[in-house]
Amino acid sequence: LMDEGVHNRTVPLILCAEEDVEGAHGASIGKISDEILLY
């Protein structure tokens, strides 16, 4: 997210009708860290 005016919606969905499965989801949402800017 580069600017204050942006809008973000993230909808990860896992539907499971079978027990013997593996599902994973994840999201990383944010700005450039101060450490990277300083670097």
All heavy atoms as atom14 arrays in JSON, in Angstrom:
{
  "sequence": "LMDEGVHNRTVPLILCAEEDVEGAHGASIGKISDEILLY",
  "atom14_mask": [
    [1, 1, 1, 1, 1, 1, 1, 1, 0, 0, 0, 0, 0, 0],
    [1, 1, 1, 1, 1, 1, 1, 1, 0, 0, 0, 0, 0, 0],
    [1, 1, 1, 1, 1, 1, 1, 1, 0, 0, 0, 0, 0, 0],
    [1, 1, 1, 1, 1, 1, 1, 1, 1, 0, 0, 0, 0, 0],
    [1, 1, 1, 1, 0, 0, 0, 0, 0, 0, 0, 0, 0, 0],
    [1, 1, 1, 1, 1, 1, 1, 0, 0, 0, 0, 0, 0, 0],
    [1, 1, 1, 1, 1, 1, 1, 1, 1, 1, 0, 0, 0, 0],
    [1, 1, 1, 1, 1, 1, 1, 1, 0, 0, 0, 0, 0, 0],
    [1, 1, 1, 1, 1, 1, 1, 1, 1, 1, 1, 0, 0, 0],
    [1, 1, 1, 1, 1, 1, 1, 0, 0, 0, 0, 0, 0, 0],
    [1, 1, 1, 1, 1, 1, 1, 0, 0, 0, 0, 0, 0, 0],
    [1, 1, 1, 1, 1, 1, 1, 0, 0, 0, 0, 0, 0, 0],
    [1, 1, 1, 1, 1, 1, 1, 1, 0, 0, 0, 0, 0, 0],
    [1, 1, 1, 1, 1, 1, 1, 1, 0, 0, 0, 0, 0, 0],
    [1, 1, 1, 1, 1, 1, 1, 1, 0, 0, 0, 0, 0, 0],
    [1, 1, 1, 1, 1, 1, 0, 0, 0, 0, 0, 0, 0, 0],
    [1, 1, 1, 1, 1, 0, 0, 0, 0, 0, 0, 0, 0, 0],
    [1, 1, 1, 1, 1, 1, 1, 1, 1, 0, 0, 0, 0, 0],
    [1, 1, 1, 1, 1, 1, 1, 1, 1, 0, 0, 0, 0, 0],
    [1, 1, 1, 1, 1, 1, 1, 1, 0, 0, 0, 0, 0, 0],
    [1, 1, 1, 1, 1, 1, 1, 0, 0, 0, 0, 0, 0, 0],
    [1, 1, 1, 1, 1, 1, 1, 1, 1, 0, 0, 0, 0, 0],
    [1, 1, 1, 1, 0, 0, 0, 0, 0, 0, 0, 0, 0, 0],
    [1, 1, 1, 1, 1, 0, 0, 0, 0, 0, 0, 0, 0, 0],
    [1, 1, 1, 1, 1, 1, 1, 1, 1, 1, 0, 0, 0, 0],
    [1, 1, 1, 1, 0, 0, 0, 0, 0, 0, 0, 0, 0, 0],
    [1, 1, 1, 1, 1, 0, 0, 0, 0, 0, 0, 0, 0, 0],
    [1, 1, 1, 1, 1, 1, 0, 0, 0, 0, 0, 0, 0, 0],
    [1, 1, 1, 1, 1, 1, 1, 1, 0, 0, 0, 0, 0, 0],
    [1, 1, 1, 1, 0, 0, 0, 0, 0, 0, 0, 0, 0, 0],
    [1, 1, 1, 1, 1, 1, 1, 1, 1, 0, 0, 0, 0, 0],
    [1, 1, 1, 1, 1, 1, 1, 1, 0, 0, 0, 0, 0, 0],
    [1, 1, 1, 1, 1, 1, 0, 0, 0, 0, 0, 0, 0, 0],
    [1, 1, 1, 1, 1, 1, 1, 1, 0, 0, 0, 0, 0, 0],
    [1, 1, 1, 1, 1, 1, 1, 1, 1, 0, 0, 0, 0, 0],
    [1, 1, 1, 1, 1, 1, 1, 1, 0, 0, 0, 0, 0, 0],
    [1, 1, 1, 1, 1, 1, 1, 1, 0, 0, 0, 0, 0, 0],
    [1, 1, 1, 1, 1, 1, 1, 1, 0, 0, 0, 0, 0, 0],
    [1, 1, 1, 1, 1, 1, 1, 1, 1, 1, 1, 1, 0, 0]
  ],
  "atom14_positions": [
    [[0.85, -1.18, 0.0], [0.0, 0.0, 0.0], [0.89, 1.24, 0.0], [1.58, 1.51, 0.98], [-0.91, 0.0, 1.23], [-1.71, -1.29, 1.49], [-2.52, -1.15, 2.78], [-2.61, -1.62, 0.31], [0.0, 0.0, 0.0], [0.0, 0.0, 0.0], [0.0, 0.0, 0.0], [0.0, 0.0, 0.0], [0.0, 0.0, 0.0], [0.0, 0.0, 0.0]],
    [[0.86, 1.98, -1.11], [1.77, 3.11, -1.25], [1.19, 4.42, -0.69], [1.94, 5.3, -0.29], [2.1, 3.31, -2.74], [2.98, 2.22, -3.33], [4.67, 2.36, -2.74], [5.51, 1.36, -3.97], [0.0, 0.0, 0.0], [0.0, 0.0, 0.0], [0.0, 0.0, 0.0], [0.0, 0.0, 0.0], [0.0, 0.0, 0.0], [0.0, 0.0, 0.0]],
    [[-0.13, 4.57, -0.72], [-0.74, 5.85, -0.34], [-1.92, 5.63, 0.59], [-2.52, 4.55, 0.63], [-1.19, 6.61, -1.59], [-0.03, 6.99, -2.5], [0.82, 7.78, -2.07], [0.03, 6.47, -3.63], [0.0, 0.0, 0.0], [0.0, 0.0, 0.0], [0.0, 0.0, 0.0], [0.0, 0.0, 0.0], [0.0, 0.0, 0.0], [0.0, 0.0, 0.0]],
    [[-2.29, 6.7, 1.32], [-3.37, 6.61, 2.3], [-4.74, 6.42, 1.65], [-5.65, 5.9, 2.27], [-3.38, 7.88, 3.16], [-2.14, 8.08, 4.01], [-2.01, 7.05, 5.11], [-3.05, 6.49, 5.52], [-0.88, 6.82, 5.58], [0.0, 0.0, 0.0], [0.0, 0.0, 0.0], [0.0, 0.0, 0.0], [0.0, 0.0, 0.0], [0.0, 0.0, 0.0]],
    [[-4.9, 6.84, 0.41], [-6.22, 6.82, -0.22], [-6.62, 5.51, -0.86], [-7.72, 5.4, -1.41], [0.0, 0.0, 0.0], [0.0, 0.0, 0.0], [0.0, 0.0, 0.0], [0.0, 0.0, 0.0], [0.0, 0.0, 0.0], [0.0, 0.0, 0.0], [0.0, 0.0, 0.0], [0.0, 0.0, 0.0], [0.0, 0.0, 0.0], [0.0, 0.0, 0.0]],
    [[-5.78, 4.48, -0.81], [-6.1, 3.22, -1.48], [-7.1, 2.4, -0.68], [-7.27, 2.61, 0.53], [-4.82, 2.37, -1.73], [-3.82, 3.14, -2.56], [-4.19, 1.94, -0.4], [0.0, 0.0, 0.0], [0.0, 0.0, 0.0], [0.0, 0.0, 0.0], [0.0, 0.0, 0.0], [0.0, 0.0, 0.0], [0.0, 0.0, 0.0], [0.0, 0.0, 0.0]],
    [[-7.78, 1.49, -1.38], [-8.73, 0.58, -0.73], [-8.37, -0.85, -1.13], [-8.26, -1.16, -2.31], [-10.17, 0.88, -1.15], [-10.66, 2.22, -0.71], [-11.25, 2.43, 0.51], [-10.63, 3.42, -1.32], [-11.57, 3.7, 0.64], [-11.2, 4.33, -0.46], [0.0, 0.0, 0.0], [0.0, 0.0, 0.0], [0.0, 0.0, 0.0], [0.0, 0.0, 0.0]],
    [[-8.21, -1.72, -0.14], [-7.84, -3.11, -0.4], [-8.8, -4.05, 0.32], [-9.1, -3.86, 1.51], [-6.41, -3.38, 0.08], [-6.03, -4.84, -0.12], [-5.78, -5.28, -1.24], [-6.01, -5.6, 0.97], [0.0, 0.0, 0.0], [0.0, 0.0, 0.0], [0.0, 0.0, 0.0], [0.0, 0.0, 0.0], [0.0, 0.0, 0.0], [0.0, 0.0, 0.0]],
    [[-9.27, -5.05, -0.43], [-10.09, -6.11, 0.17], [-9.51, -7.46, -0.26], [-9.37, -7.72, -1.46], [-11.54, -6.0, -0.29], [-12.19, -4.65, -0.03], [-13.58, -4.58, -0.65], [-14.1, -3.22, -0.63], [-13.86, -2.3, -1.56], [-13.08, -2.62, -2.61], [-14.36, -1.09, -1.47], [0.0, 0.0, 0.0], [0.0, 0.0, 0.0], [0.0, 0.0, 0.0]],
    [[-9.19, -8.29, 0.71], [-8.65, -9.62, 0.43], [-9.55, -10.66, 1.07], [-9.81, -10.61, 2.27], [-7.21, -9.75, 0.99], [-6.37, -8.78, 0.34], [-6.66, -11.13, 0.74], [0.0, 0.0, 0.0], [0.0, 0.0, 0.0], [0.0, 0.0, 0.0], [0.0, 0.0, 0.0], [0.0, 0.0, 0.0], [0.0, 0.0, 0.0], [0.0, 0.0, 0.0]],
    [[-10.06, -11.6, 0.24], [-11.02, -12.59, 0.73], [-10.5, -13.99, 0.4], [-10.87, -14.57, -0.63], [-12.41, -12.38, 0.12], [-13.45, -13.25, 0.83], [-12.83, -10.93, 0.17], [0.0, 0.0, 0.0], [0.0, 0.0, 0.0], [0.0, 0.0, 0.0], [0.0, 0.0, 0.0], [0.0, 0.0, 0.0], [0.0, 0.0, 0.0], [0.0, 0.0, 0.0]],
    [[-9.65, -14.57, 1.24], [-9.23, -15.96, 1.03], [-10.29, -16.9, 1.6], [-10.77, -16.73, 2.72], [-7.92, -16.05, 1.81], [-8.06, -15.04, 2.91], [-8.98, -13.95, 2.39], [0.0, 0.0, 0.0], [0.0, 0.0, 0.0], [0.0, 0.0, 0.0], [0.0, 0.0, 0.0], [0.0, 0.0, 0.0], [0.0, 0.0, 0.0], [0.0, 0.0, 0.0]],
    [[-10.67, -17.91, 0.81], [-11.75, -18.8, 1.23], [-11.36, -20.25, 0.96], [-10.9, -20.58, -0.13], [-13.03, -18.46, 0.45], [-14.27, -19.33, 0.67], [-14.75, -19.22, 2.1], [-15.37, -18.94, -0.3], [0.0, 0.0, 0.0], [0.0, 0.0, 0.0], [0.0, 0.0, 0.0], [0.0, 0.0, 0.0], [0.0, 0.0, 0.0], [0.0, 0.0, 0.0]],
    [[-11.52, -21.09, 1.98], [-11.3, -22.52, 1.81], [-12.6, -23.24, 2.18], [-13.11, -23.09, 3.28], [-10.14, -23.03, 2.68], [-8.82, -22.41, 2.22], [-10.05, -24.56, 2.61], [-7.6, -22.86, 3.01], [0.0, 0.0, 0.0], [0.0, 0.0, 0.0], [0.0, 0.0, 0.0], [0.0, 0.0, 0.0], [0.0, 0.0, 0.0], [0.0, 0.0, 0.0]],
    [[-13.12, -24.0, 1.23], [-14.31, -24.83, 1.45], [-13.87, -26.28, 1.55], [-13.07, -26.74, 0.74], [-15.31, -24.65, 0.3], [-15.72, -23.21, -0.03], [-16.6, -23.17, -1.26], [-16.44, -22.58, 1.16], [0.0, 0.0, 0.0], [0.0, 0.0, 0.0], [0.0, 0.0, 0.0], [0.0, 0.0, 0.0], [0.0, 0.0, 0.0], [0.0, 0.0, 0.0]],
    [[-14.4, -27.0, 2.52], [-13.88, -28.34, 2.75], [-15.01, -29.33, 3.04], [-15.67, -29.26, 4.07], [-12.9, -28.31, 3.92], [-11.93, -29.81, 4.09], [0.0, 0.0, 0.0], [0.0, 0.0, 0.0], [0.0, 0.0, 0.0], [0.0, 0.0, 0.0], [0.0, 0.0, 0.0], [0.0, 0.0, 0.0], [0.0, 0.0, 0.0], [0.0, 0.0, 0.0]],
    [[-15.22, -30.26, 2.08], [-16.17, -31.35, 2.27], [-15.45, -32.69, 2.37], [-16.1, -33.74, 2.43], [-17.17, -31.38, 1.13], [0.0, 0.0, 0.0], [0.0, 0.0, 0.0], [0.0, 0.0, 0.0], [0.0, 0.0, 0.0], [0.0, 0.0, 0.0], [0.0, 0.0, 0.0], [0.0, 0.0, 0.0], [0.0, 0.0, 0.0], [0.0, 0.0, 0.0]],
    [[-14.12, -32.66, 2.37], [-13.3, -33.86, 2.46], [-12.28, -33.67, 3.6], [-11.62, -32.63, 3.69], [-12.56, -34.11, 1.13], [-11.56, -35.24, 1.16], [-12.18, -36.57, 1.52], [-13.19, -36.94, 0.89], [-11.66, -37.24, 2.45], [0.0, 0.0, 0.0], [0.0, 0.0, 0.0], [0.0, 0.0, 0.0], [0.0, 0.0, 0.0], [0.0, 0.0, 0.0]],
    [[-12.18, -34.67, 4.46], [-11.33, -34.53, 5.64], [-9.84, -34.68, 5.33], [-9.0, -33.97, 5.89], [-11.73, -35.56, 6.71], [-13.13, -35.34, 7.27], [-13.45, -36.33, 8.37], [-12.58, -37.16, 8.7], [-14.58, -36.28, 8.89], [0.0, 0.0, 0.0], [0.0, 0.0, 0.0], [0.0, 0.0, 0.0], [0.0, 0.0, 0.0], [0.0, 0.0, 0.0]],
    [[-9.5, -35.57, 4.44], [-8.09, -35.92, 4.23], [-7.46, -35.0, 3.18], [-7.06, -35.42, 2.1], [-7.99, -37.38, 3.78], [-6.57, -37.9, 3.86], [-5.7, -37.2, 4.41], [-6.32, -39.02, 3.36], [0.0, 0.0, 0.0], [0.0, 0.0, 0.0], [0.0, 0.0, 0.0], [0.0, 0.0, 0.0], [0.0, 0.0, 0.0], [0.0, 0.0, 0.0]],
    [[-7.35, -33.7, 3.51], [-6.79, -32.71, 2.59], [-5.96, -31.71, 3.4], [-6.03, -31.65, 4.63], [-7.89, -31.95, 1.82], [-8.64, -32.88, 0.88], [-8.85, -31.24, 2.77], [0.0, 0.0, 0.0], [0.0, 0.0, 0.0], [0.0, 0.0, 0.0], [0.0, 0.0, 0.0], [0.0, 0.0, 0.0], [0.0, 0.0, 0.0], [0.0, 0.0, 0.0]],
    [[-5.18, -30.91, 2.68], [-4.4, -29.84, 3.31], [-4.63, -28.54, 2.56], [-4.39, -28.46, 1.36], [-2.9, -30.17, 3.29], [-2.5, -31.35, 4.14], [-1.01, -31.58, 4.12], [-0.27, -30.66, 3.69], [-0.57, -32.67, 4.52], [0.0, 0.0, 0.0], [0.0, 0.0, 0.0], [0.0, 0.0, 0.0], [0.0, 0.0, 0.0], [0.0, 0.0, 0.0]],
    [[-5.09, -27.52, 3.29], [-5.33, -26.22, 2.69], [-4.74, -25.12, 3.54], [-4.75, -25.2, 4.78], [0.0, 0.0, 0.0], [0.0, 0.0, 0.0], [0.0, 0.0, 0.0], [0.0, 0.0, 0.0], [0.0, 0.0, 0.0], [0.0, 0.0, 0.0], [0.0, 0.0, 0.0], [0.0, 0.0, 0.0], [0.0, 0.0, 0.0], [0.0, 0.0, 0.0]],
    [[-4.19, -24.11, 2.89], [-3.57, -23.0, 3.63], [-3.8, -21.7, 2.87], [-3.89, -21.68, 1.65], [-2.08, -23.25, 3.82], [0.0, 0.0, 0.0], [0.0, 0.0, 0.0], [0.0, 0.0, 0.0], [0.0, 0.0, 0.0], [0.0, 0.0, 0.0], [0.0, 0.0, 0.0], [0.0, 0.0, 0.0], [0.0, 0.0, 0.0], [0.0, 0.0, 0.0]],
    [[-3.89, -20.61, 3.61], [-3.98, -19.3, 2.98], [-3.31, -18.27, 3.88], [-3.18, -18.46, 5.09], [-5.44, -18.9, 2.7], [-6.31, -18.8, 3.9], [-6.23, -17.77, 4.82], [-7.31, -19.6, 4.35], [-7.13, -17.94, 5.76], [-7.8, -19.05, 5.51], [0.0, 0.0, 0.0], [0.0, 0.0, 0.0], [0.0, 0.0, 0.0], [0.0, 0.0, 0.0]],
    [[-2.87, -17.19, 3.27], [-2.24, -16.13, 4.04], [-2.16, -14.86, 3.21], [-2.21, -14.9, 1.99], [0.0, 0.0, 0.0], [0.0, 0.0, 0.0], [0.0, 0.0, 0.0], [0.0, 0.0, 0.0], [0.0, 0.0, 0.0], [0.0, 0.0, 0.0], [0.0, 0.0, 0.0], [0.0, 0.0, 0.0], [0.0, 0.0, 0.0], [0.0, 0.0, 0.0]],
    [[-2.04, -13.74, 3.9], [-1.94, -12.45, 3.22], [-0.98, -11.55, 3.98], [-0.97, -11.52, 5.21], [-3.31, -11.79, 3.11], [0.0, 0.0, 0.0], [0.0, 0.0, 0.0], [0.0, 0.0, 0.0], [0.0, 0.0, 0.0], [0.0, 0.0, 0.0], [0.0, 0.0, 0.0], [0.0, 0.0, 0.0], [0.0, 0.0, 0.0], [0.0, 0.0, 0.0]],
    [[-0.18, -10.83, 3.21], [0.72, -9.83, 3.77], [0.34, -8.49, 3.16], [0.47, -8.29, 1.96], [2.19, -10.17, 3.45], [3.05, -9.13, 3.85], [0.0, 0.0, 0.0], [0.0, 0.0, 0.0], [0.0, 0.0, 0.0], [0.0, 0.0, 0.0], [0.0, 0.0, 0.0], [0.0, 0.0, 0.0], [0.0, 0.0, 0.0], [0.0, 0.0, 0.0]],
    [[-0.15, -7.58, 4.0], [-0.68, -6.3, 3.53], [-0.06, -5.19, 4.35], [-0.15, -5.19, 5.58], [-2.21, -6.26, 3.64], [-2.85, -7.43, 2.87], [-2.76, -4.93, 3.13], [-4.31, -7.63, 3.15], [0.0, 0.0, 0.0], [0.0, 0.0, 0.0], [0.0, 0.0, 0.0], [0.0, 0.0, 0.0], [0.0, 0.0, 0.0], [0.0, 0.0, 0.0]],
    [[0.6, -4.24, 3.7], [1.19, -3.14, 4.45], [2.01, -2.21, 3.59], [2.05, -2.32, 2.36], [0.0, 0.0, 0.0], [0.0, 0.0, 0.0], [0.0, 0.0, 0.0], [0.0, 0.0, 0.0], [0.0, 0.0, 0.0], [0.0, 0.0, 0.0], [0.0, 0.0, 0.0], [0.0, 0.0, 0.0], [0.0, 0.0, 0.0], [0.0, 0.0, 0.0]],
    [[2.66, -1.27, 4.26], [3.47, -0.28, 3.59], [4.94, -0.7, 3.6], [5.32, -1.68, 4.25], [3.33, 1.08, 4.29], [1.9, 1.62, 4.31], [1.84, 2.95, 5.03], [0.43, 3.51, 5.04], [0.36, 4.82, 5.75], [0.0, 0.0, 0.0], [0.0, 0.0, 0.0], [0.0, 0.0, 0.0], [0.0, 0.0, 0.0], [0.0, 0.0, 0.0]],
    [[5.76, 0.07, 2.89], [7.2, -0.16, 2.95], [7.69, 0.16, 4.36], [7.35, 1.21, 4.92], [7.93, 0.73, 1.92], [7.44, 0.44, 0.5], [9.43, 0.51, 1.99], [8.01, 1.36, -0.54], [0.0, 0.0, 0.0], [0.0, 0.0, 0.0], [0.0, 0.0, 0.0], [0.0, 0.0, 0.0], [0.0, 0.0, 0.0], [0.0, 0.0, 0.0]],
    [[8.44, -0.73, 4.93], [8.89, -0.54, 6.31], [9.88, 0.62, 6.42], [10.58, 0.96, 5.45], [9.54, -1.82, 6.84], [10.76, -2.06, 6.18], [0.0, 0.0, 0.0], [0.0, 0.0, 0.0], [0.0, 0.0, 0.0], [0.0, 0.0, 0.0], [0.0, 0.0, 0.0], [0.0, 0.0, 0.0], [0.0, 0.0, 0.0], [0.0, 0.0, 0.0]],
    [[9.96, 1.2, 7.6], [10.91, 2.29, 7.84], [12.34, 1.83, 7.63], [13.2, 2.6, 7.18], [10.73, 2.84, 9.26], [9.39, 3.55, 9.45], [8.81, 3.99, 8.43], [8.94, 3.66, 10.6], [0.0, 0.0, 0.0], [0.0, 0.0, 0.0], [0.0, 0.0, 0.0], [0.0, 0.0, 0.0], [0.0, 0.0, 0.0], [0.0, 0.0, 0.0]],
    [[12.6, 0.57, 7.97], [13.96, 0.04, 7.81], [14.39, 0.01, 6.34], [15.52, 0.36, 6.0], [14.06, -1.37, 8.41], [13.96, -1.42, 9.93], [12.52, -1.35, 10.42], [11.58, -1.34, 9.57], [12.33, -1.28, 11.65], [0.0, 0.0, 0.0], [0.0, 0.0, 0.0], [0.0, 0.0, 0.0], [0.0, 0.0, 0.0], [0.0, 0.0, 0.0]],
    [[13.46, -0.42, 5.47], [13.77, -0.45, 4.04], [13.95, 0.96, 3.49], [14.87, 1.24, 2.71], [12.68, -1.21, 3.27], [12.71, -2.7, 3.65], [12.86, -1.05, 1.77], [11.61, -3.51, 3.01], [0.0, 0.0, 0.0], [0.0, 0.0, 0.0], [0.0, 0.0, 0.0], [0.0, 0.0, 0.0], [0.0, 0.0, 0.0], [0.0, 0.0, 0.0]],
    [[13.06, 1.88, 3.9], [13.2, 3.27, 3.46], [14.55, 3.84, 3.87], [15.24, 4.49, 3.07], [12.07, 4.12, 4.06], [10.69, 3.99, 3.41], [9.65, 4.76, 4.22], [10.71, 4.49, 1.98], [0.0, 0.0, 0.0], [0.0, 0.0, 0.0], [0.0, 0.0, 0.0], [0.0, 0.0, 0.0], [0.0, 0.0, 0.0], [0.0, 0.0, 0.0]],
    [[14.92, 3.6, 5.12], [16.2, 4.11, 5.61], [17.36, 3.52, 4.85], [18.34, 4.22, 4.5], [16.34, 3.82, 7.1], [17.64, 4.29, 7.76], [17.77, 5.81, 7.65], [17.69, 3.86, 9.22], [0.0, 0.0, 0.0], [0.0, 0.0, 0.0], [0.0, 0.0, 0.0], [0.0, 0.0, 0.0], [0.0, 0.0, 0.0], [0.0, 0.0, 0.0]],
    [[17.28, 2.22, 4.55], [18.35, 1.54, 3.83], [18.6, 2.21, 2.48], [19.74, 2.49, 2.1], [17.99, 0.06, 3.64], [18.98, -0.71, 2.79], [20.12, -1.26, 3.35], [18.76, -0.88, 1.42], [21.03, -1.97, 2.58], [19.66, -1.58, 0.64], [20.8, -2.13, 1.23], [21.7, -2.81, 0.45], [0.0, 0.0, 0.0], [0.0, 0.0, 0.0]]
  ]
}
